[in-house]
Amino acid sequence: MGNLKVTMTDVDGLTRTFDDVAEGTTLLELGKLHGVAGIMGDCGGACACATCHIYVGEGWSDKVGKPDDIEFAMLDMVADVMKDNSRLGCQVRMSPELDGLEVTVAPASEY
């Protein structure tokens, strides 16, 4: 039951496409499962750190949506690398509307 597609570019610039992503999978889970460089998820997906920080690809921000207040507070800890299209991978859950999503793992920040 996994037929959604996601393209991730890691912190080293390596781009990989995953075309069998199950609905409901978070980008953190996907990144950790496939060893995507820069996706650490130190808090285990509890939105309590920013070690799964990603940039949403151009044209996808409206579909992915904006971070809620808790996620924004976590992103604010990495203000030096935060952008308008920043999200935490643990908070982006795959759905049919996100089929084809493209993201880039944000560089690590000092926090």
C-alpha atoms as a PDB file:
ATOM      1  CA  MET A   1       0.000   0.000   0.000  1.00  0.00           C
ATOM      2  CA  GLY A   2       2.936   2.284  -0.636  1.00  0.00           C
ATOM      3  CA  ASN A   3       2.873   3.960  -3.973  1.00  0.00           C
ATOM      4  CA  LEU A   4       3.664   7.575  -3.148  1.00  0.00           C
ATOM      5  CA  LYS A   5       6.819   9.206  -4.478  1.00  0.00           C
ATOM      6  CA  VAL A   6       9.241  11.488  -2.602  1.00  0.00           C
ATOM      7  CA  THR A   7      12.533  12.935  -3.806  1.00  0.00           C
ATOM      8  CA  MET A   8      15.006  13.877  -1.044  1.00  0.00           C
ATOM      9  CA  THR A   9      18.295  15.687  -1.416  1.00  0.00           C
ATOM     10  CA  ASP A  10      20.523  15.061   1.585  1.00  0.00           C
ATOM     11  CA  VAL A  11      23.022  17.394   3.259  1.00  0.00           C
ATOM     12  CA  ASP A  12      25.789  16.073   1.001  1.00  0.00           C
ATOM     13  CA  GLY A  13      23.834  16.975  -2.156  1.00  0.00           C
ATOM     14  CA  LEU A  14      22.889  13.383  -3.022  1.00  0.00           C
ATOM     15  CA  THR A  15      19.371  13.208  -4.493  1.00  0.00           C
ATOM     16  CA  ARG A  16      17.391  10.004  -4.126  1.00  0.00           C
ATOM     17  CA  THR A  17      13.844   9.188  -5.177  1.00  0.00           C
ATOM     18  CA  PHE A  18      11.695   6.806  -3.173  1.00  0.00           C
ATOM     19  CA  ASP A  19       8.679   5.655  -5.165  1.00  0.00           C
ATOM     20  CA  ASP A  20       7.079   3.156  -2.822  1.00  0.00           C
ATOM     21  CA  VAL A  21       6.314   5.332   0.214  1.00  0.00           C
ATOM     22  CA  ALA A  22       3.313   4.280   2.279  1.00  0.00           C
ATOM     23  CA  GLU A  23       0.596   6.791   3.060  1.00  0.00           C
ATOM     24  CA  GLY A  24       1.023   8.047   6.635  1.00  0.00           C
ATOM     25  CA  THR A  25       4.825   7.748   6.641  1.00  0.00           C
ATOM     26  CA  THR A  26       6.580  10.846   7.945  1.00  0.00           C
ATOM     27  CA  LEU A  27       9.586  12.287   6.135  1.00  0.00           C
ATOM     28  CA  LEU A  28      11.612  11.601   9.291  1.00  0.00           C
ATOM     29  CA  GLU A  29      10.687   7.901   9.157  1.00  0.00           C
ATOM     30  CA  LEU A  30      11.471   7.751   5.438  1.00  0.00           C
ATOM     31  CA  GLY A  31      14.828   9.475   5.856  1.00  0.00           C
ATOM     32  CA  LYS A  32      15.918   7.280   8.765  1.00  0.00           C
ATOM     33  CA  LEU A  33      14.775   4.087   7.025  1.00  0.00           C
ATOM     34  CA  HIS A  34      16.944   4.887   4.001  1.00  0.00           C
ATOM     35  CA  GLY A  35      19.902   6.471   5.805  1.00  0.00           C
ATOM     36  CA  VAL A  36      19.411   9.938   4.320  1.00  0.00           C
ATOM     37  CA  ALA A  37      22.338  12.066   5.506  1.00  0.00           C
ATOM     38  CA  GLY A  38      21.236  14.862   7.823  1.00  0.00           C
ATOM     39  CA  ILE A  39      17.971  13.260   8.977  1.00  0.00           C
ATOM     40  CA  MET A  40      18.686  12.315  12.572  1.00  0.00           C
ATOM     41  CA  GLY A  41      15.423  12.636  14.488  1.00  0.00           C
ATOM     42  CA  ASP A  42      17.088  12.755  17.900  1.00  0.00           C
ATOM     43  CA  CYS A  43      13.748  13.189  19.699  1.00  0.00           C
ATOM     44  CA  GLY A  44      12.186  10.211  17.937  1.00  0.00           C
ATOM     45  CA  GLY A  45       9.644  12.278  16.050  1.00  0.00           C
ATOM     46  CA  ALA A  46       8.118  14.098  19.017  1.00  0.00           C
ATOM     47  CA  CYS A  47       8.630  17.597  17.560  1.00  0.00           C
ATOM     48  CA  ALA A  48      11.056  18.316  20.391  1.00  0.00           C
ATOM     49  CA  CYS A  49      14.227  19.000  18.401  1.00  0.00           C
ATOM     50  CA  ALA A  50      15.077  20.173  14.910  1.00  0.00           C
ATOM     51  CA  THR A  51      17.301  17.330  13.711  1.00  0.00           C
ATOM     52  CA  CYS A  52      14.918  16.425  10.868  1.00  0.00           C
ATOM     53  CA  HIS A  53      14.756  19.967   9.461  1.00  0.00           C
ATOM     54  CA  ILE A  54      13.941  20.026   5.753  1.00  0.00           C
ATOM     55  CA  TYR A  55      13.214  22.580   3.063  1.00  0.00           C
ATOM     56  CA  VAL A  56      10.056  21.918   1.068  1.00  0.00           C
ATOM     57  CA  GLY A  57      10.591  22.072  -2.698  1.00  0.00           C
ATOM     58  CA  GLU A  58       9.323  24.914  -4.827  1.00  0.00           C
ATOM     59  CA  GLY A  59       5.625  24.673  -5.529  1.00  0.00           C
ATOM     60  CA  TRP A  60       4.915  22.300  -2.621  1.00  0.00           C
ATOM     61  CA  SER A  61       4.571  24.685   0.336  1.00  0.00           C
ATOM     62  CA  ASP A  62       0.812  25.196  -0.027  1.00  0.00           C
ATOM     63  CA  LYS A  63       0.146  21.442  -0.138  1.00  0.00           C
ATOM     64  CA  VAL A  64       2.484  20.668   2.763  1.00  0.00           C
ATOM     65  CA  GLY A  65       1.190  23.586   4.828  1.00  0.00           C
ATOM     66  CA  LYS A  66       2.803  25.805   7.419  1.00  0.00           C
ATOM     67  CA  PRO A  67       4.226  24.655  10.751  1.00  0.00           C
ATOM     68  CA  ASP A  68       2.009  24.939  13.822  1.00  0.00           C
ATOM     69  CA  ASP A  69       3.176  26.976  16.846  1.00  0.00           C
ATOM     70  CA  ILE A  70       5.067  24.088  18.484  1.00  0.00           C
ATOM     71  CA  GLU A  71       6.891  23.163  15.271  1.00  0.00           C
ATOM     72  CA  PHE A  72       7.673  26.828  14.589  1.00  0.00           C
ATOM     73  CA  ALA A  73       9.221  27.125  18.073  1.00  0.00           C
ATOM     74  CA  MET A  74      11.507  24.178  17.290  1.00  0.00           C
ATOM     75  CA  LEU A  75      12.436  25.678  13.925  1.00  0.00           C
ATOM     76  CA  ASP A  76      13.115  29.001  15.614  1.00  0.00           C
ATOM     77  CA  MET A  77      15.999  27.275  17.454  1.00  0.00           C
ATOM     78  CA  VAL A  78      17.724  26.935  14.078  1.00  0.00           C
ATOM     79  CA  ALA A  79      16.968  30.484  12.954  1.00  0.00           C
ATOM     80  CA  ASP A  80      20.351  30.731  11.216  1.00  0.00           C
ATOM     81  CA  VAL A  81      19.231  28.147   8.629  1.00  0.00           C
ATOM     82  CA  MET A  82      15.436  28.524   8.858  1.00  0.00           C
ATOM     83  CA  LYS A  83      13.671  29.637   5.672  1.00  0.00           C
ATOM     84  CA  ASP A  84      10.072  30.330   4.678  1.00  0.00           C
ATOM     85  CA  ASN A  85       9.828  26.750   3.354  1.00  0.00           C
ATOM     86  CA  SER A  86      11.275  25.110   6.487  1.00  0.00           C
ATOM     87  CA  ARG A  87       9.439  22.198   8.092  1.00  0.00           C
ATOM     88  CA  LEU A  88      10.340  19.363  10.419  1.00  0.00           C
ATOM     89  CA  GLY A  89      10.295  15.997   8.699  1.00  0.00           C
ATOM     90  CA  CYS A  90       8.569  14.415  11.692  1.00  0.00           C
ATOM     91  CA  GLN A  91       5.584  16.696  11.124  1.00  0.00           C
ATOM     92  CA  VAL A  92       5.137  16.063   7.395  1.00  0.00           C
ATOM     93  CA  ARG A  93       3.098  12.898   6.884  1.00  0.00           C
ATOM     94  CA  MET A  94       2.727  11.505   3.373  1.00  0.00           C
ATOM     95  CA  SER A  95      -0.698  11.615   1.753  1.00  0.00           C
ATOM     96  CA  PRO A  96      -1.917  11.276  -1.839  1.00  0.00           C
ATOM     97  CA  GLU A  97      -1.821  15.090  -2.134  1.00  0.00           C
ATOM     98  CA  LEU A  98       1.939  14.980  -1.501  1.00  0.00           C
ATOM     99  CA  ASP A  99       2.705  12.343  -4.141  1.00  0.00           C
ATOM    100  CA  GLY A 100       5.827  13.554  -5.965  1.00  0.00           C
ATOM    101  CA  LEU A 101       6.987  15.793  -3.093  1.00  0.00           C
ATOM    102  CA  GLU A 102      10.524  17.147  -3.314  1.00  0.00           C
ATOM    103  CA  VAL A 103      12.489  18.170  -0.222  1.00  0.00           C
ATOM    104  CA  THR A 104      16.052  19.067   0.721  1.00  0.00           C
ATOM    105  CA  VAL A 105      17.563  18.275   4.099  1.00  0.00           C
ATOM    106  CA  ALA A 106      18.635  21.503   5.806  1.00  0.00           C
ATOM    107  CA  PRO A 107      22.244  21.887   6.900  1.00  0.00           C
ATOM    108  CA  ALA A 108      22.930  21.218  10.581  1.00  0.00           C
ATOM    109  CA  SER A 109      22.682  24.197  12.873  1.00  0.00           C
ATOM    110  CA  GLU A 110      24.374  25.029  16.142  1.00  0.00           C
ATOM    111  CA  TYR A 111      21.694  24.871  18.855  1.00  0.00           C
END
